[in-house]
């Protein structure tokens, strides 16, 4: 969700790659639905783990900033600072998975998480490029 929002707001202004502690591969259907509401296409997006990024040749030292959205990803990112000079920021974002009874309640939780990420991006990186 965060990578799609970043690309929508800032286009080619920065290179963005989403990664997680583990590879879940398929993007959650609720994430796809709430991002489509903003014109962001996630259905073909696949998530990677930090390990996969390194295995596939991504040089983590080339990134200026890692934004961690969960305590687990923050711990993993901080571990990477042992080997690479990286700036780490932790943005405590609502984890919508498992929240809400029924489709509308779940979508509401995902919208809240999406909007928290968007608001953090705007506060950190300024007005959108578009």
Protein backbone atom coordinates (compact mmCIF):
# COMPACT_ATOMS: atom_id res chain seq x y z
CA UNK A 1 0.00 0.00 0.00
CA UNK A 2 2.78 2.46 0.97
CA UNK A 3 4.73 2.00 -2.27
CA UNK A 4 1.63 2.62 -4.37
CA UNK A 5 0.75 5.75 -2.39
CA UNK A 6 4.29 7.09 -2.68
CA UNK A 7 4.36 6.59 -6.44
CA UNK A 8 0.92 8.18 -6.82
CA UNK A 9 1.86 11.24 -4.76
CA UNK A 10 5.45 11.78 -5.88
CA UNK A 11 5.86 9.94 -9.18
CA UNK A 12 9.48 9.65 -10.28
CA UNK A 13 10.77 12.07 -7.63
CA UNK A 14 12.19 9.14 -5.68
CA UNK A 15 12.93 5.45 -6.20
CA UNK A 16 10.63 3.45 -3.94
CA UNK A 17 10.67 -0.25 -3.11
CA UNK A 18 8.37 -1.87 -0.59
CA UNK A 19 9.68 -4.70 1.52
CA UNK A 20 8.63 -6.56 4.60
CA UNK A 21 10.03 -8.79 7.26
CA UNK A 22 8.61 -11.78 5.43
CA UNK A 23 7.35 -12.28 1.93
CA UNK A 24 3.57 -12.55 1.76
CA UNK A 25 3.69 -12.35 -2.07
CA UNK A 26 0.00 -11.65 -2.70
CA UNK A 27 -1.23 -8.20 -1.78
CA UNK A 28 -4.27 -8.24 0.49
CA UNK A 29 -7.57 -7.75 -1.37
CA UNK A 30 -8.71 -5.04 1.03
CA UNK A 31 -5.49 -3.10 0.36
CA UNK A 32 -6.17 -3.39 -3.36
CA UNK A 33 -9.76 -2.16 -2.91
CA UNK A 34 -8.98 0.92 -0.81
CA UNK A 35 -6.08 1.94 -3.03
CA UNK A 36 -8.25 1.64 -6.14
CA UNK A 37 -10.48 4.26 -4.53
CA UNK A 38 -7.57 6.69 -4.99
CA UNK A 39 -6.70 5.47 -8.49
CA UNK A 40 -3.77 3.34 -7.31
CA UNK A 41 -3.42 -0.09 -8.95
CA UNK A 42 -2.00 -2.72 -6.59
CA UNK A 43 -3.43 -5.91 -8.07
CA UNK A 44 -0.16 -6.76 -9.88
CA UNK A 45 2.06 -5.66 -7.01
CA UNK A 46 4.09 -8.30 -5.18
CA UNK A 47 5.81 -7.70 -1.88
CA UNK A 48 9.38 -8.73 -1.15
CA UNK A 49 11.23 -9.47 2.02
CA UNK A 50 14.45 -7.63 2.95
CA UNK A 51 16.33 -10.89 2.34
CA UNK A 52 14.86 -11.22 -1.15
CA UNK A 53 15.86 -7.67 -1.99
CA UNK A 54 19.46 -8.52 -1.17
CA UNK A 55 19.27 -11.90 -2.94
CA UNK A 56 17.94 -10.21 -6.10
CA UNK A 57 20.78 -7.73 -6.12
CA UNK A 58 19.25 -4.64 -4.56
CA UNK A 59 22.03 -2.71 -2.88
CA UNK A 60 20.45 -1.57 0.35
CA UNK A 61 23.25 0.94 0.88
CA UNK A 62 21.84 2.90 -2.09
CA UNK A 63 18.65 3.71 -0.20
CA UNK A 64 18.54 6.94 1.78
CA UNK A 65 15.62 6.07 4.03
CA UNK A 66 13.72 3.08 5.31
CA UNK A 67 10.28 3.79 6.71
CA UNK A 68 9.14 1.02 9.05
CA UNK A 69 5.40 0.64 9.50
CA UNK A 70 5.48 -2.06 12.18
CA UNK A 71 7.66 -2.84 15.20
CA UNK A 72 8.91 -6.01 13.46
CA UNK A 73 9.98 -4.11 10.35
CA UNK A 74 11.63 -1.46 12.52
CA UNK A 75 13.69 -4.15 14.28
CA UNK A 76 14.71 -5.64 10.91
CA UNK A 77 15.61 -2.21 9.52
CA UNK A 78 17.69 -1.37 12.59
CA UNK A 79 19.52 -4.68 12.15
CA UNK A 80 20.42 -3.61 8.60
CA UNK A 81 22.12 -0.49 9.98
CA UNK A 82 24.84 -2.79 11.30
CA UNK A 83 25.91 -3.34 7.67
CA UNK A 84 24.65 -0.26 5.82
CA UNK A 85 24.40 3.42 6.63
CA UNK A 86 20.63 3.88 6.50
CA UNK A 87 18.25 6.40 7.98
CA UNK A 88 15.34 4.66 9.71
CA UNK A 89 12.00 6.21 10.59
CA UNK A 90 9.21 4.40 12.40
CA UNK A 91 5.67 5.40 11.52
CA UNK A 92 3.23 3.60 13.85
CA UNK A 93 0.41 2.80 11.44
CA UNK A 94 -2.75 0.90 12.31
CA UNK A 95 -2.49 -2.75 11.27
CA UNK A 96 -5.94 -3.34 9.73
CA UNK A 97 -5.59 -7.10 9.26
CA UNK A 98 -8.09 -8.93 11.40
CA UNK A 99 -10.01 -5.79 12.33
CA UNK A 100 -13.73 -5.34 11.75
CA UNK A 101 -16.65 -7.69 11.32
CA UNK A 102 -17.97 -7.76 7.79
CA UNK A 103 -16.70 -6.25 4.56
CA UNK A 104 -17.59 -2.60 5.26
CA UNK A 105 -15.98 -2.63 8.71
CA UNK A 106 -12.82 -4.19 7.27
CA UNK A 107 -12.71 -1.66 4.43
CA UNK A 108 -13.08 1.13 6.99
CA UNK A 109 -10.04 -0.15 8.92
CA UNK A 110 -8.00 -0.39 5.72
CA UNK A 111 -9.03 3.12 4.69
CA UNK A 112 -7.88 4.37 8.07
CA UNK A 113 -4.47 2.72 7.63
CA UNK A 114 -4.20 4.03 4.04
CA UNK A 115 -5.02 7.56 5.16
CA UNK A 116 -2.53 7.40 8.04
CA UNK A 117 0.22 6.43 5.59
CA UNK A 118 -0.81 9.18 3.14
CA UNK A 119 -0.89 11.81 5.90
CA UNK A 120 2.56 10.77 7.12
CA UNK A 121 3.95 11.00 3.59
CA UNK A 122 2.53 14.46 3.07
CA UNK A 123 3.93 15.63 6.42
CA UNK A 124 7.37 14.13 5.70
CA UNK A 125 7.79 14.75 1.96
CA UNK A 126 5.55 17.75 1.28
CA UNK A 127 2.97 18.46 -1.38
CA UNK A 128 2.41 15.86 -4.10
CA UNK A 129 4.19 16.18 -7.41
CA UNK A 130 0.94 15.86 -9.38
